[in-house]
Amino acid sequence: MPRDFTKPYTDAELEEVKKKFRELPTYDKGTDSVKSSDFVLLAKAIGFGKTDEEIKLAQDFWAKHSGGIIKWDNFMDMAKAAHDMGEASQVMARIVDKDGDGFISSDEFDELFKCMKIHDERLRELSFSDFVTEADINQDGKVSIDECADWIRLNTKN
């Protein structure tokens, strides 16, 4: 049964997710991680409730941006943030921020938004330049991870 991701995980639910994570075929106790190839199994085990295509996109995101490894800590951060699109975007943006500068580049924007739309279809399509125009609160010509999160929260409100 699909989980209601509009509500945060309880501590007991997080413990159950951790148990399922650690039962996956590629689980490595030394690194507390699994290979991204296990994401499909993990998604089904935790009731991700998305189409096979959406699950594959999420799996590809993890494969591309985490070297094919999903560390428990990163996955737990994402699970904890799943109920809040702004918070989830911060977690994902930190994962895609290849240069670690804390700002969203055009390439990072494309990757981030592709995956964020899996979590919330209300996120509208827009160009990177339009995104910068709308999200750049301090008008420095760049969008920080925090500005991105605020923009996503604003644009996914009910």
C-alpha atoms as a PDB file:
ATOM      1  CA  MET A   1       0.000   0.000   0.000  1.00  0.00           C
ATOM      2  CA  PRO A   2       1.440   3.426  -0.914  1.00  0.00           C
ATOM      3  CA  ARG A   3       2.613   5.537   2.000  1.00  0.00           C
ATOM      4  CA  ASP A   4       1.161   9.005   2.569  1.00  0.00           C
ATOM      5  CA  PHE A   5       4.269  11.144   2.085  1.00  0.00           C
ATOM      6  CA  THR A   6       2.451  14.318   3.132  1.00  0.00           C
ATOM      7  CA  LYS A   7       3.023  13.224   6.727  1.00  0.00           C
ATOM      8  CA  PRO A   8       6.448  12.905   8.356  1.00  0.00           C
ATOM      9  CA  TYR A   9       7.790   9.504   9.334  1.00  0.00           C
ATOM     10  CA  THR A  10       7.477   8.553  12.973  1.00  0.00           C
ATOM     11  CA  ASP A  11      10.552   7.204  14.750  1.00  0.00           C
ATOM     12  CA  ALA A  12       9.026   3.710  14.612  1.00  0.00           C
ATOM     13  CA  GLU A  13       8.428   4.027  10.853  1.00  0.00           C
ATOM     14  CA  LEU A  14      12.022   5.188  10.306  1.00  0.00           C
ATOM     15  CA  GLU A  15      13.258   2.146  12.234  1.00  0.00           C
ATOM     16  CA  GLU A  16      11.152  -0.070   9.966  1.00  0.00           C
ATOM     17  CA  VAL A  17      12.566   1.631   6.864  1.00  0.00           C
ATOM     18  CA  LYS A  18      16.091   1.155   8.251  1.00  0.00           C
ATOM     19  CA  LYS A  19      15.376  -2.536   8.793  1.00  0.00           C
ATOM     20  CA  LYS A  20      14.130  -2.914   5.199  1.00  0.00           C
ATOM     21  CA  PHE A  21      17.128  -0.955   3.892  1.00  0.00           C
ATOM     22  CA  ARG A  22      19.526  -3.252   5.725  1.00  0.00           C
ATOM     23  CA  GLU A  23      17.788  -6.376   4.394  1.00  0.00           C
ATOM     24  CA  LEU A  24      18.415  -5.440   0.749  1.00  0.00           C
ATOM     25  CA  PRO A  25      20.603  -7.823  -1.284  1.00  0.00           C
ATOM     26  CA  THR A  26      23.505  -5.397  -1.786  1.00  0.00           C
ATOM     27  CA  TYR A  27      23.571  -4.021   1.767  1.00  0.00           C
ATOM     28  CA  ASP A  28      27.134  -3.357   2.950  1.00  0.00           C
ATOM     29  CA  LYS A  29      27.375  -3.200   6.729  1.00  0.00           C
ATOM     30  CA  GLY A  30      30.823  -1.553   6.624  1.00  0.00           C
ATOM     31  CA  THR A  31      29.543   1.477   4.711  1.00  0.00           C
ATOM     32  CA  ASP A  32      25.883   1.242   5.808  1.00  0.00           C
ATOM     33  CA  SER A  33      24.876   1.488   2.161  1.00  0.00           C
ATOM     34  CA  VAL A  34      23.282  -0.336  -0.738  1.00  0.00           C
ATOM     35  CA  LYS A  35      23.849  -0.190  -4.464  1.00  0.00           C
ATOM     36  CA  SER A  36      21.431   2.030  -6.334  1.00  0.00           C
ATOM     37  CA  SER A  37      20.335  -1.073  -8.250  1.00  0.00           C
ATOM     38  CA  ASP A  38      18.397  -2.017  -5.090  1.00  0.00           C
ATOM     39  CA  PHE A  39      16.327   1.179  -5.208  1.00  0.00           C
ATOM     40  CA  VAL A  40      13.387  -0.495  -6.966  1.00  0.00           C
ATOM     41  CA  LEU A  41      13.188  -3.112  -4.200  1.00  0.00           C
ATOM     42  CA  LEU A  42      13.535  -0.428  -1.539  1.00  0.00           C
ATOM     43  CA  ALA A  43      10.856   1.780  -3.091  1.00  0.00           C
ATOM     44  CA  LYS A  44       8.382  -1.083  -3.164  1.00  0.00           C
ATOM     45  CA  ALA A  45       9.285  -2.148   0.403  1.00  0.00           C
ATOM     46  CA  ILE A  46       8.576   1.317   1.813  1.00  0.00           C
ATOM     47  CA  GLY A  47       5.414   1.958  -0.230  1.00  0.00           C
ATOM     48  CA  PHE A  48       6.876   4.679  -2.462  1.00  0.00           C
ATOM     49  CA  GLY A  49       3.667   4.500  -4.501  1.00  0.00           C
ATOM     50  CA  LYS A  50       4.999   5.794  -7.798  1.00  0.00           C
ATOM     51  CA  THR A  51       4.905   4.311 -11.284  1.00  0.00           C
ATOM     52  CA  ASP A  52       7.674   1.983 -12.428  1.00  0.00           C
ATOM     53  CA  GLU A  53       8.931   4.778 -14.701  1.00  0.00           C
ATOM     54  CA  GLU A  54       9.065   7.263 -11.798  1.00  0.00           C
ATOM     55  CA  ILE A  55      10.843   4.736  -9.596  1.00  0.00           C
ATOM     56  CA  LYS A  56      13.374   4.155 -12.389  1.00  0.00           C
ATOM     57  CA  LEU A  57      13.968   7.924 -12.651  1.00  0.00           C
ATOM     58  CA  ALA A  58      14.592   8.085  -8.902  1.00  0.00           C
ATOM     59  CA  GLN A  59      16.911   5.075  -9.134  1.00  0.00           C
ATOM     60  CA  ASP A  60      18.805   6.785 -11.959  1.00  0.00           C
ATOM     61  CA  PHE A  61      19.092   9.932  -9.815  1.00  0.00           C
ATOM     62  CA  TRP A  62      20.762   7.958  -7.021  1.00  0.00           C
ATOM     63  CA  ALA A  63      22.988   6.105  -9.485  1.00  0.00           C
ATOM     64  CA  LYS A  64      24.171   9.282 -11.176  1.00  0.00           C
ATOM     65  CA  HIS A  65      24.632  11.494  -8.142  1.00  0.00           C
ATOM     66  CA  SER A  66      25.899   9.109  -5.518  1.00  0.00           C
ATOM     67  CA  GLY A  67      28.300   6.951  -7.483  1.00  0.00           C
ATOM     68  CA  GLY A  68      25.817   4.093  -7.611  1.00  0.00           C
ATOM     69  CA  ILE A  69      25.740   3.859  -3.808  1.00  0.00           C
ATOM     70  CA  ILE A  70      22.915   4.921  -1.506  1.00  0.00           C
ATOM     71  CA  LYS A  71      24.196   5.599   1.998  1.00  0.00           C
ATOM     72  CA  TRP A  72      21.702   5.100   4.784  1.00  0.00           C
ATOM     73  CA  ASP A  73      22.292   8.614   6.152  1.00  0.00           C
ATOM     74  CA  ASN A  74      21.497  10.215   2.779  1.00  0.00           C
ATOM     75  CA  PHE A  75      18.454   8.026   2.270  1.00  0.00           C
ATOM     76  CA  MET A  76      17.230   8.710   5.823  1.00  0.00           C
ATOM     77  CA  ASP A  77      17.606  12.471   5.245  1.00  0.00           C
ATOM     78  CA  MET A  78      15.469  12.124   2.114  1.00  0.00           C
ATOM     79  CA  ALA A  79      12.895   9.950   3.891  1.00  0.00           C
ATOM     80  CA  LYS A  80      12.621  12.436   6.759  1.00  0.00           C
ATOM     81  CA  ALA A  81      12.179  15.311   4.298  1.00  0.00           C
ATOM     82  CA  ALA A  82       9.696  13.616   1.954  1.00  0.00           C
ATOM     83  CA  HIS A  83       6.669  15.323   3.543  1.00  0.00           C
ATOM     84  CA  ASP A  84       8.069  18.816   2.863  1.00  0.00           C
ATOM     85  CA  MET A  85       8.972  19.627  -0.745  1.00  0.00           C
ATOM     86  CA  GLY A  86      11.237  22.489   0.279  1.00  0.00           C
ATOM     87  CA  GLU A  87      13.151  20.342   2.730  1.00  0.00           C
ATOM     88  CA  ALA A  88      13.309  17.474   0.225  1.00  0.00           C
ATOM     89  CA  SER A  89      14.691  19.848  -2.408  1.00  0.00           C
ATOM     90  CA  GLN A  90      17.435  20.923   0.005  1.00  0.00           C
ATOM     91  CA  VAL A  91      18.491  17.312   0.535  1.00  0.00           C
ATOM     92  CA  MET A  92      18.420  16.580  -3.196  1.00  0.00           C
ATOM     93  CA  ALA A  93      20.167  19.837  -4.084  1.00  0.00           C
ATOM     94  CA  ARG A  94      23.032  18.996  -1.733  1.00  0.00           C
ATOM     95  CA  ILE A  95      23.325  15.644  -3.527  1.00  0.00           C
ATOM     96  CA  VAL A  96      23.379  17.209  -7.031  1.00  0.00           C
ATOM     97  CA  ASP A  97      25.589  20.180  -6.056  1.00  0.00           C
ATOM     98  CA  LYS A  98      28.639  18.765  -7.831  1.00  0.00           C
ATOM     99  CA  ASP A  99      30.921  21.710  -7.139  1.00  0.00           C
ATOM    100  CA  GLY A 100      29.697  22.106  -3.558  1.00  0.00           C
ATOM    101  CA  ASP A 101      29.217  25.870  -3.906  1.00  0.00           C
ATOM    102  CA  GLY A 102      25.705  25.874  -2.390  1.00  0.00           C
ATOM    103  CA  PHE A 103      24.094  27.293  -5.541  1.00  0.00           C
ATOM    104  CA  ILE A 104      21.948  25.695  -8.228  1.00  0.00           C
ATOM    105  CA  SER A 105      23.588  25.697 -11.686  1.00  0.00           C
ATOM    106  CA  SER A 106      21.680  25.088 -14.905  1.00  0.00           C
ATOM    107  CA  ASP A 107      22.738  21.416 -15.052  1.00  0.00           C
ATOM    108  CA  GLU A 108      21.940  20.912 -11.365  1.00  0.00           C
ATOM    109  CA  PHE A 109      18.547  22.576 -11.912  1.00  0.00           C
ATOM    110  CA  ASP A 110      17.684  20.112 -14.686  1.00  0.00           C
ATOM    111  CA  GLU A 111      18.601  17.110 -12.543  1.00  0.00           C
ATOM    112  CA  LEU A 112      16.930  18.436  -9.410  1.00  0.00           C
ATOM    113  CA  PHE A 113      13.655  19.341 -11.091  1.00  0.00           C
ATOM    114  CA  LYS A 114      13.427  16.060 -12.978  1.00  0.00           C
ATOM    115  CA  CYS A 115      13.511  14.207  -9.676  1.00  0.00           C
ATOM    116  CA  MET A 116      11.408  16.737  -7.710  1.00  0.00           C
ATOM    117  CA  LYS A 117       8.554  16.354 -10.209  1.00  0.00           C
ATOM    118  CA  ILE A 118       8.405  12.679  -9.253  1.00  0.00           C
ATOM    119  CA  HIS A 119       7.539  13.749  -5.720  1.00  0.00           C
ATOM    120  CA  ASP A 120       5.073  16.483  -6.629  1.00  0.00           C
ATOM    121  CA  GLU A 121       3.488  16.891 -10.054  1.00  0.00           C
ATOM    122  CA  ARG A 122       2.364  20.424  -9.147  1.00  0.00           C
ATOM    123  CA  LEU A 123       5.900  21.626  -9.766  1.00  0.00           C
ATOM    124  CA  ARG A 124       5.552  23.466 -13.055  1.00  0.00           C
ATOM    125  CA  GLU A 125       7.924  23.369 -15.984  1.00  0.00           C
ATOM    126  CA  LEU A 126      10.075  26.450 -16.444  1.00  0.00           C
ATOM    127  CA  SER A 127      13.404  27.434 -17.911  1.00  0.00           C
ATOM    128  CA  PHE A 128      16.478  27.892 -15.754  1.00  0.00           C
ATOM    129  CA  SER A 129      16.534  31.635 -16.492  1.00  0.00           C
ATOM    130  CA  ASP A 130      12.876  31.980 -15.402  1.00  0.00           C
ATOM    131  CA  PHE A 131      13.677  29.974 -12.273  1.00  0.00           C
ATOM    132  CA  VAL A 132      16.570  32.333 -11.427  1.00  0.00           C
ATOM    133  CA  THR A 133      14.348  35.378 -12.023  1.00  0.00           C
ATOM    134  CA  GLU A 134      11.648  34.022  -9.703  1.00  0.00           C
ATOM    135  CA  ALA A 135      13.758  32.353  -7.013  1.00  0.00           C
ATOM    136  CA  ASP A 136      16.716  34.733  -6.650  1.00  0.00           C
ATOM    137  CA  ILE A 137      15.412  36.652  -3.640  1.00  0.00           C
ATOM    138  CA  ASN A 138      18.606  38.588  -2.892  1.00  0.00           C
ATOM    139  CA  GLN A 139      19.098  39.482  -6.593  1.00  0.00           C
ATOM    140  CA  ASP A 140      22.720  38.283  -6.770  1.00  0.00           C
ATOM    141  CA  GLY A 141      22.114  36.477 -10.075  1.00  0.00           C
ATOM    142  CA  LYS A 142      22.337  33.035  -8.436  1.00  0.00           C
ATOM    143  CA  VAL A 143      19.909  30.744  -6.625  1.00  0.00           C
ATOM    144  CA  SER A 144      21.156  29.266  -3.374  1.00  0.00           C
ATOM    145  CA  ILE A 145      19.935  25.928  -2.094  1.00  0.00           C
ATOM    146  CA  ASP A 146      17.842  27.789   0.517  1.00  0.00           C
ATOM    147  CA  GLU A 147      16.315  30.111  -2.114  1.00  0.00           C
ATOM    148  CA  CYS A 148      15.526  27.046  -4.218  1.00  0.00           C
ATOM    149  CA  ALA A 149      13.811  25.356  -1.273  1.00  0.00           C
ATOM    150  CA  ASP A 150      11.751  28.474  -0.529  1.00  0.00           C
ATOM    151  CA  TRP A 151      10.695  28.725  -4.182  1.00  0.00           C
ATOM    152  CA  ILE A 152       9.700  25.056  -4.285  1.00  0.00           C
ATOM    153  CA  ARG A 153       7.685  25.376  -1.057  1.00  0.00           C
ATOM    154  CA  LEU A 154       5.874  28.395  -2.479  1.00  0.00           C
ATOM    155  CA  ASN A 155       5.146  26.652  -5.793  1.00  0.00           C
ATOM    156  CA  THR A 156       3.893  23.383  -4.319  1.00  0.00           C
ATOM    157  CA  LYS A 157       1.516  24.769  -1.698  1.00  0.00           C
ATOM    158  CA  ASN A 158      -2.018  23.440  -1.681  1.00  0.00           C
END
